[in-house]
């Protein structure tokens, strides 16, 4: 009887076990649901944070007429680098940098002892040639007289006449050689080829100059600055507007607030393949010498704006292997990369010649990791 009672479990123990099992299952299920919910929230938060935020900017249309401002380089109307034509030593110079000179004015003098001796020898050679020619002339005259009465053969007379011709040719050669040396001697005085200003003097007394010098450099540089040439590289899209007579305005750093008038006189007639630009030449009067050769000038043209041309901030550009691109955003907030053709660089903005329309909006400061079709979040709308 006691053993039967011991083998029979209490009535509430089975119920308690069932309750504990159900409670444990409930705890596990609740934990699983909570963990799934937390994981989903973390994934949602992570996905939200992985979508980049972009700012959009509006595109500006170019005006129907615009001012095209480009850098230019100035050159003198005429400029000559004067080298020593004869070898020798500088014995004196008469004009220094900044000195105004007239055409033909002496600038320097070269001592030419070797050339002087060559001239003396050439004079002697001419006298000798003339003496031989005189003797050959009298001999030929005698032989021609003797030929009249057949005292000499015609062959002998022809030989004397031929010798006279050779001697006369030798006189001409000696005279030409002397003339060449005398012409070289005139270069011993270095003269200004035109009226202008001395912009460089590198010759000092005692310097060895001319063909015998180890490294030749110009003794003087003379520039005619009464008029100035200005060279500007213009983008190809504006080449059709650069016609002769087109006015332009110059400004230089030397004279802030002052402008100078110039006009187009010609162009290169070809587009440089390396830069895609068109070289234009302008001229400007320079009566007071304010414009200096070799200097920089800002050249402004009043030209019509290019049709279908827009301006975009420089910060919107992406430089990829496919070319220059900008990023646009569609209605579903997905990125679309568009290739653009650039025109002038205006500093904060650049001209886009193709690929964009004024109604579009583009991403400002796009990250380098931005890809086509990527989902983005637009923050703050478009900024003008």
Protein backbone atom coordinates (compact mmCIF):
# COMPACT_ATOMS: atom_id res chain seq x y z
CA UNK A 1 0.00 0.00 0.00
CA UNK A 2 2.80 2.41 0.87
CA UNK A 3 4.77 1.46 -2.23
CA UNK A 4 1.71 2.22 -4.43
CA UNK A 5 1.33 5.63 -2.86
CA UNK A 6 5.03 6.37 -3.38
CA UNK A 7 4.85 5.44 -7.11
CA UNK A 8 1.87 7.71 -7.73
CA UNK A 9 3.02 11.38 -8.40
CA UNK A 10 1.22 14.21 -6.73
CA UNK A 11 -1.74 15.52 -8.70
CA UNK A 12 -0.38 19.14 -9.05
CA UNK A 13 3.13 18.23 -10.24
CA UNK A 14 2.08 17.30 -13.75
CA UNK A 15 0.10 20.47 -14.11
CA UNK A 16 3.04 22.54 -12.86
CA UNK A 17 5.33 20.91 -15.42
CA UNK A 18 2.97 21.69 -18.25
CA UNK A 19 2.67 25.27 -17.10
CA UNK A 20 6.46 25.64 -16.86
CA UNK A 21 6.90 24.18 -20.33
CA UNK A 22 4.32 26.53 -21.80
CA UNK A 23 5.91 29.49 -20.01
CA UNK A 24 9.36 28.57 -21.33
CA UNK A 25 7.99 28.26 -24.85
CA UNK A 26 6.36 31.65 -24.46
CA UNK A 27 9.60 33.23 -23.29
CA UNK A 28 11.51 31.75 -26.24
CA UNK A 29 8.86 32.88 -28.70
CA UNK A 30 8.74 36.36 -27.20
CA UNK A 31 12.55 36.63 -27.33
CA UNK A 32 12.58 35.45 -30.91
CA UNK A 33 9.95 38.00 -31.93
CA UNK A 34 11.73 40.79 -30.10
CA UNK A 35 15.10 39.86 -31.62
CA UNK A 36 13.59 39.71 -35.12
CA UNK A 37 11.98 43.10 -34.57
CA UNK A 38 15.23 44.59 -33.29
CA UNK A 39 17.20 43.07 -36.20
CA UNK A 40 14.68 44.47 -38.66
CA UNK A 41 14.86 47.90 -37.06
CA UNK A 42 18.68 47.80 -37.16
CA UNK A 43 18.61 46.77 -40.82
CA UNK A 44 16.12 49.53 -41.61
CA UNK A 45 18.28 52.07 -39.76
CA UNK A 46 21.41 50.84 -41.54
CA UNK A 47 19.71 50.93 -44.94
CA UNK A 48 18.46 54.43 -44.26
CA UNK A 49 21.91 55.59 -43.30
CA UNK A 50 23.49 53.97 -46.39
CA UNK A 51 21.42 56.13 -48.78
CA UNK A 52 23.52 59.26 -49.46
CA UNK A 53 21.95 62.67 -49.12
CA UNK A 54 22.49 65.04 -52.05
CA UNK A 55 21.81 68.71 -52.70
CA UNK A 56 20.42 69.89 -56.00
CA UNK A 57 21.26 73.12 -57.79
CA UNK A 58 19.48 74.78 -60.68
CA UNK A 59 21.03 75.31 -64.11
CA UNK A 60 21.35 78.86 -65.41
CA UNK A 61 20.70 79.77 -69.03
CA UNK A 62 23.31 81.88 -70.82
CA UNK A 63 22.19 85.33 -71.83
CA UNK A 64 21.49 86.21 -75.48
CA UNK A 65 24.50 88.53 -75.37
CA UNK A 66 27.45 88.09 -73.06
CA UNK A 67 30.90 89.41 -72.29
CA UNK A 68 33.62 86.97 -73.19
CA UNK A 69 36.63 87.67 -70.93
CA UNK A 70 39.85 85.81 -71.69
CA UNK A 71 43.55 86.23 -70.84
CA UNK A 72 45.84 87.61 -73.51
CA UNK A 73 49.56 88.19 -73.97
CA UNK A 74 50.95 91.47 -75.29
CA UNK A 75 53.77 91.90 -77.77
CA UNK A 76 55.40 94.94 -79.31
CA UNK A 77 54.32 95.92 -82.79
CA UNK A 78 57.94 95.35 -83.88
CA UNK A 79 60.69 93.80 -81.80
CA UNK A 80 64.27 93.02 -82.89
CA UNK A 81 66.99 91.06 -81.13
CA UNK A 82 70.29 92.50 -82.32
CA UNK A 83 73.14 90.00 -82.45
CA UNK A 84 76.75 90.74 -83.38
CA UNK A 85 77.20 89.97 -87.07
CA UNK A 86 81.03 90.17 -86.90
CA UNK A 87 83.41 88.68 -84.38
CA UNK A 88 85.31 90.98 -82.06
CA UNK A 89 85.31 92.76 -78.72
CA UNK A 90 82.80 95.35 -77.55
CA UNK A 91 84.56 98.70 -77.42
CA UNK A 92 81.57 100.76 -76.31
CA UNK A 93 77.81 100.98 -75.95
CA UNK A 94 75.80 104.16 -76.30
CA UNK A 95 72.21 103.35 -75.25
CA UNK A 96 70.97 101.56 -72.14
CA UNK A 97 67.59 99.99 -71.32
CA UNK A 98 64.65 102.36 -71.49
CA UNK A 99 66.38 104.73 -73.91
CA UNK A 100 64.31 105.88 -76.90
CA UNK A 101 66.14 105.47 -80.19
CA UNK A 102 65.56 106.53 -83.78
CA UNK A 103 65.98 104.30 -86.81
CA UNK A 104 69.67 103.88 -87.65
CA UNK A 105 70.93 105.30 -84.35
CA UNK A 106 74.19 103.68 -83.11
CA UNK A 107 73.76 101.47 -80.06
CA UNK A 108 77.21 99.91 -79.68
CA UNK A 109 80.62 99.45 -81.28
CA UNK A 110 82.72 96.32 -81.88
CA UNK A 111 86.49 96.27 -82.42
CA UNK A 112 87.30 93.88 -85.30
CA UNK A 113 91.11 93.51 -85.63
CA UNK A 114 90.92 90.28 -87.60
CA UNK A 115 88.42 91.70 -90.03
CA UNK A 116 90.55 94.82 -90.46
CA UNK A 117 93.52 92.67 -91.51
CA UNK A 118 91.32 90.74 -93.92
CA UNK A 119 90.25 94.02 -95.50
CA UNK A 120 93.90 95.07 -95.93
CA UNK A 121 94.67 91.72 -97.55
CA UNK A 122 91.63 92.02 -99.82
CA UNK A 123 92.70 95.49 -100.95
CA UNK A 124 96.16 94.14 -101.81
CA UNK A 125 94.63 91.22 -103.67
CA UNK A 126 92.50 93.63 -105.70
CA UNK A 127 95.54 95.77 -106.60
CA UNK A 128 97.44 92.64 -107.65
CA UNK A 129 94.51 91.41 -109.74
CA UNK A 130 94.19 94.79 -111.42
CA UNK A 131 97.94 94.84 -112.23
CA UNK A 132 97.80 91.37 -113.77
CA UNK A 133 94.72 92.39 -115.72
CA UNK A 134 96.51 95.51 -117.03
CA UNK A 135 99.47 93.46 -118.22
CA UNK A 136 97.16 90.90 -119.83
CA UNK A 137 95.27 93.74 -121.56
CA UNK A 138 98.42 95.27 -123.13
CA UNK A 139 99.72 91.83 -124.15
CA UNK A 140 96.47 90.92 -125.79
CA UNK A 141 96.44 94.26 -127.64
CA UNK A 142 99.95 93.62 -129.03
CA UNK A 143 99.08 90.12 -130.14
CA UNK A 144 95.95 91.37 -131.86
CA UNK A 145 98.05 93.95 -133.75
CA UNK A 146 100.54 91.28 -134.79
CA UNK A 147 97.71 89.08 -135.93
CA UNK A 148 96.72 91.64 -138.56
CA UNK A 149 99.90 91.03 -140.53
CA UNK A 150 100.06 87.33 -139.66
CA UNK A 151 103.15 87.76 -137.47
CA UNK A 152 101.53 85.46 -134.87
CA UNK A 153 99.06 82.66 -135.17
CA UNK A 154 95.41 83.10 -134.35
CA UNK A 155 95.81 80.46 -131.66
CA UNK A 156 98.40 82.54 -129.85
CA UNK A 157 96.23 85.67 -130.06
CA UNK A 158 93.22 83.73 -128.71
CA UNK A 159 95.32 82.50 -125.78
CA UNK A 160 96.29 86.08 -124.89
CA UNK A 161 92.69 87.25 -125.16
CA UNK A 162 91.59 84.33 -122.98
CA UNK A 163 94.20 85.21 -120.39
CA UNK A 164 92.86 88.78 -120.38
CA UNK A 165 89.35 87.51 -119.70
CA UNK A 166 90.61 85.39 -116.80
CA UNK A 167 92.49 88.36 -115.34
CA UNK A 168 89.44 90.60 -115.63
CA UNK A 169 87.34 87.94 -113.84
CA UNK A 170 89.98 87.80 -111.10
CA UNK A 171 89.62 91.59 -110.67
CA UNK A 172 85.85 91.26 -110.31
CA UNK A 173 86.29 88.45 -107.76
CA UNK A 174 88.81 90.45 -105.73
CA UNK A 175 86.57 93.52 -105.82
CA UNK A 176 83.55 91.46 -104.68
CA UNK A 177 85.56 89.92 -101.83
CA UNK A 178 86.66 93.37 -100.70
CA UNK A 179 83.07 94.60 -100.92
CA UNK A 180 81.90 91.68 -98.76
CA UNK A 181 84.46 92.46 -96.08
CA UNK A 182 83.63 96.17 -96.16
CA UNK A 183 79.93 95.29 -95.79
CA UNK A 184 80.78 93.18 -92.77
CA UNK A 185 82.77 96.07 -91.36
CA UNK A 186 79.61 98.21 -91.31
CA UNK A 187 78.16 95.73 -88.78
CA UNK A 188 80.91 96.71 -86.35
CA UNK A 189 78.52 99.51 -85.40
CA UNK A 190 75.26 98.05 -84.05
CA UNK A 191 72.35 100.29 -85.08
CA UNK A 192 68.65 100.41 -84.27
CA UNK A 193 66.62 98.94 -87.17
CA UNK A 194 63.60 101.12 -86.39
CA UNK A 195 62.46 103.76 -83.95
CA UNK A 196 61.59 102.36 -80.56
CA UNK A 197 62.88 101.71 -77.06
CA UNK A 198 65.84 99.65 -75.89
CA UNK A 199 64.36 96.91 -73.70
CA UNK A 200 67.55 94.87 -73.18
CA UNK A 201 71.31 95.53 -73.14
CA UNK A 202 73.51 92.53 -72.47
CA UNK A 203 76.76 93.82 -74.00
CA UNK A 204 79.55 95.17 -71.80
CA UNK A 205 82.86 96.66 -72.82
CA UNK A 206 85.43 93.93 -73.44
CA UNK A 207 82.89 91.15 -74.16
CA UNK A 208 83.77 88.76 -76.97
CA UNK A 209 80.78 88.74 -79.33
CA UNK A 210 79.92 87.45 -82.75
CA UNK A 211 80.59 84.10 -84.42
CA UNK A 212 83.71 83.55 -82.31
CA UNK A 213 81.83 83.76 -79.00
CA UNK A 214 81.07 80.52 -77.16
CA UNK A 215 77.41 81.36 -76.48
CA UNK A 216 75.83 84.13 -78.49
CA UNK A 217 73.13 86.29 -77.00
CA UNK A 218 71.56 89.51 -78.29
CA UNK A 219 73.59 92.62 -77.55
CA UNK A 220 70.43 94.75 -77.58
CA UNK A 221 66.70 94.31 -77.95
CA UNK A 222 64.71 97.16 -79.48
CA UNK A 223 60.90 97.26 -79.36
CA UNK A 224 58.46 99.57 -81.10
CA UNK A 225 55.70 99.95 -78.49
CA UNK A 226 53.69 102.74 -80.11
CA UNK A 227 51.25 99.97 -81.01
CA UNK A 228 50.75 96.66 -79.25
CA UNK A 229 49.74 93.25 -80.54
CA UNK A 230 47.55 91.13 -78.24
CA UNK A 231 47.16 87.38 -78.75
CA UNK A 232 44.15 85.57 -77.26
CA UNK A 233 43.18 81.89 -77.43
CA UNK A 234 39.41 81.78 -77.95
CA UNK A 235 37.25 78.64 -77.50
CA UNK A 236 36.17 77.08 -80.77
CA UNK A 237 32.50 77.81 -80.08
CA UNK A 238 33.26 81.56 -80.38
CA UNK A 239 35.55 81.37 -83.42
CA UNK A 240 32.80 82.45 -85.84
CA UNK A 241 32.30 85.72 -83.96
CA UNK A 242 35.99 86.73 -84.08
CA UNK A 243 35.79 88.78 -87.26
CA UNK A 244 38.22 91.59 -88.18
CA UNK A 245 37.17 94.88 -86.65
CA UNK A 246 35.44 93.32 -83.63
CA UNK A 247 36.07 95.72 -80.71
CA UNK A 248 37.47 94.60 -77.38
CA UNK A 249 38.43 96.15 -74.06
CA UNK A 250 41.74 95.53 -72.30
CA UNK A 251 42.58 95.77 -68.63
CA UNK A 252 46.03 95.25 -67.13
CA UNK A 253 47.16 94.74 -63.51
CA UNK A 254 49.48 97.77 -63.79
CA UNK A 255 46.56 100.21 -64.03
CA UNK A 256 43.55 99.04 -61.99
CA UNK A 257 40.33 100.64 -63.14
CA UNK A 258 41.74 101.80 -66.47
CA UNK A 259 40.63 100.26 -69.75
CA UNK A 260 42.17 100.30 -73.22
CA UNK A 261 40.46 99.93 -76.58
CA UNK A 262 41.56 97.27 -79.06
CA UNK A 263 40.13 95.56 -82.12
CA UNK A 264 40.58 92.24 -83.90
CA UNK A 265 42.85 92.34 -86.96
CA UNK A 266 43.27 88.65 -87.75
CA UNK A 267 43.24 85.06 -86.57
CA UNK A 268 45.15 81.84 -87.03
CA UNK A 269 42.50 80.31 -89.27
CA UNK A 270 42.82 76.92 -87.54
CA UNK A 271 41.86 75.26 -84.27
CA UNK A 272 44.74 74.02 -82.12
CA UNK A 273 44.07 70.29 -81.59
CA UNK A 274 45.82 70.24 -78.20
CA UNK A 275 43.64 72.94 -76.60
CA UNK A 276 40.66 73.24 -78.94
CA UNK A 277 41.17 77.01 -79.13
CA UNK A 278 41.41 79.57 -81.91
CA UNK A 279 44.19 82.19 -81.75
CA UNK A 280 43.07 85.77 -82.40
CA UNK A 281 45.30 88.81 -82.90
CA UNK A 282 44.24 92.28 -81.77
CA UNK A 283 45.97 95.65 -81.89
CA UNK A 284 45.80 98.62 -79.55
CA UNK A 285 47.35 102.08 -79.73
CA UNK A 286 49.86 102.72 -76.97
CA UNK A 287 50.90 106.38 -77.19
CA UNK A 288 51.94 106.69 -73.53
CA UNK A 289 53.62 103.28 -73.25
CA UNK A 290 51.20 102.03 -70.59
CA UNK A 291 50.87 98.63 -72.31
CA UNK A 292 54.10 96.70 -71.96
CA UNK A 293 55.29 93.91 -74.27
CA UNK A 294 55.38 90.48 -72.69
CA UNK A 295 52.74 91.43 -70.13
CA UNK A 296 49.34 89.95 -69.30
CA UNK A 297 46.03 91.55 -70.25
CA UNK A 298 42.40 90.65 -69.61
CA UNK A 299 40.56 90.94 -72.93
CA UNK A 300 36.78 91.39 -72.93
CA UNK A 301 34.68 90.85 -76.07
CA UNK A 302 31.01 91.75 -76.33
CA UNK A 303 29.72 88.71 -78.19
CA UNK A 304 26.37 87.01 -78.51
CA UNK A 305 25.69 84.12 -76.16
CA UNK A 306 25.82 80.64 -77.60
CA UNK A 307 22.47 79.01 -78.30
CA UNK A 308 21.56 76.10 -76.01
CA UNK A 309 24.43 76.99 -73.71
CA UNK A 310 23.94 76.82 -69.94
CA UNK A 311 26.08 77.65 -66.94
CA UNK A 312 26.62 75.23 -64.08
CA UNK A 313 28.66 75.47 -60.86
CA UNK A 314 32.16 74.06 -61.11
CA UNK A 315 31.45 71.98 -57.98
CA UNK A 316 28.92 69.82 -59.87
CA UNK A 317 31.44 68.23 -62.22
CA UNK A 318 32.53 64.60 -62.06
CA UNK A 319 35.70 63.66 -63.93
CA UNK A 320 35.51 60.02 -64.90
CA UNK A 321 37.16 57.78 -67.47
CA UNK A 322 34.03 58.21 -69.60
CA UNK A 323 34.59 61.98 -69.69
CA UNK A 324 33.20 64.94 -67.78
CA UNK A 325 29.81 64.16 -66.21
CA UNK A 326 27.14 65.63 -63.95
CA UNK A 327 24.57 63.80 -61.83
CA UNK A 328 20.81 64.31 -62.12
CA UNK A 329 18.04 62.81 -59.96
CA UNK A 330 14.80 61.39 -61.37
CA UNK A 331 11.37 61.36 -59.74
CA UNK A 332 12.15 58.08 -57.94
CA UNK A 333 15.29 59.60 -56.43
CA UNK A 334 17.68 57.57 -58.54
CA UNK A 335 20.93 58.99 -59.93
CA UNK A 336 21.50 59.39 -63.66
CA UNK A 337 24.98 60.41 -64.86
CA UNK A 338 25.08 62.63 -67.94
CA UNK A 339 28.12 63.47 -70.00
CA UNK A 340 28.57 67.18 -70.80
CA UNK A 341 30.73 69.19 -73.18
CA UNK A 342 32.32 72.17 -71.47
CA UNK A 343 32.95 75.62 -72.89
CA UNK A 344 34.45 78.57 -71.03
CA UNK A 345 35.73 78.27 -67.51
CA UNK A 346 34.24 81.27 -65.69
CA UNK A 347 35.73 80.46 -62.30
CA UNK A 348 32.81 79.62 -59.98
CA UNK A 349 30.81 78.44 -63.00
CA UNK A 350 31.52 76.80 -66.33
CA UNK A 351 29.63 76.75 -69.59
CA UNK A 352 28.08 73.48 -70.69
CA UNK A 353 27.74 73.45 -74.47
CA UNK A 354 25.75 70.23 -74.69
CA UNK A 355 24.15 67.54 -72.54
CA UNK A 356 21.98 69.74 -70.30
CA UNK A 357 18.85 71.89 -70.50
CA UNK A 358 17.89 74.88 -68.29
CA UNK A 359 14.95 72.93 -66.79
CA UNK A 360 17.14 70.28 -65.17
CA UNK A 361 18.60 70.22 -61.67
CA UNK A 362 21.93 68.62 -60.88
CA UNK A 363 23.75 67.34 -57.81
CA UNK A 364 26.12 69.75 -56.11
CA UNK A 365 29.38 68.38 -54.67
CA UNK A 366 28.63 64.78 -55.72
CA UNK A 367 30.66 62.11 -53.87
CA UNK A 368 33.20 60.20 -55.92
CA UNK A 369 31.44 56.93 -55.09
CA UNK A 370 28.20 58.02 -56.80
CA UNK A 371 27.05 55.53 -59.45
CA UNK A 372 24.40 55.51 -62.13
CA UNK A 373 21.04 54.23 -60.82
CA UNK A 374 21.98 54.68 -57.16
CA UNK A 375 19.19 55.60 -54.72
CA UNK A 376 19.69 58.94 -52.98
CA UNK A 377 17.88 61.24 -50.61
CA UNK A 378 17.33 64.84 -51.76
CA UNK A 379 17.96 67.33 -48.99
CA UNK A 380 16.78 70.92 -49.04
CA UNK A 381 15.56 71.04 -52.60
CA UNK A 382 17.26 72.92 -55.39
CA UNK A 383 19.43 75.93 -54.81
CA UNK A 384 19.73 78.62 -57.46
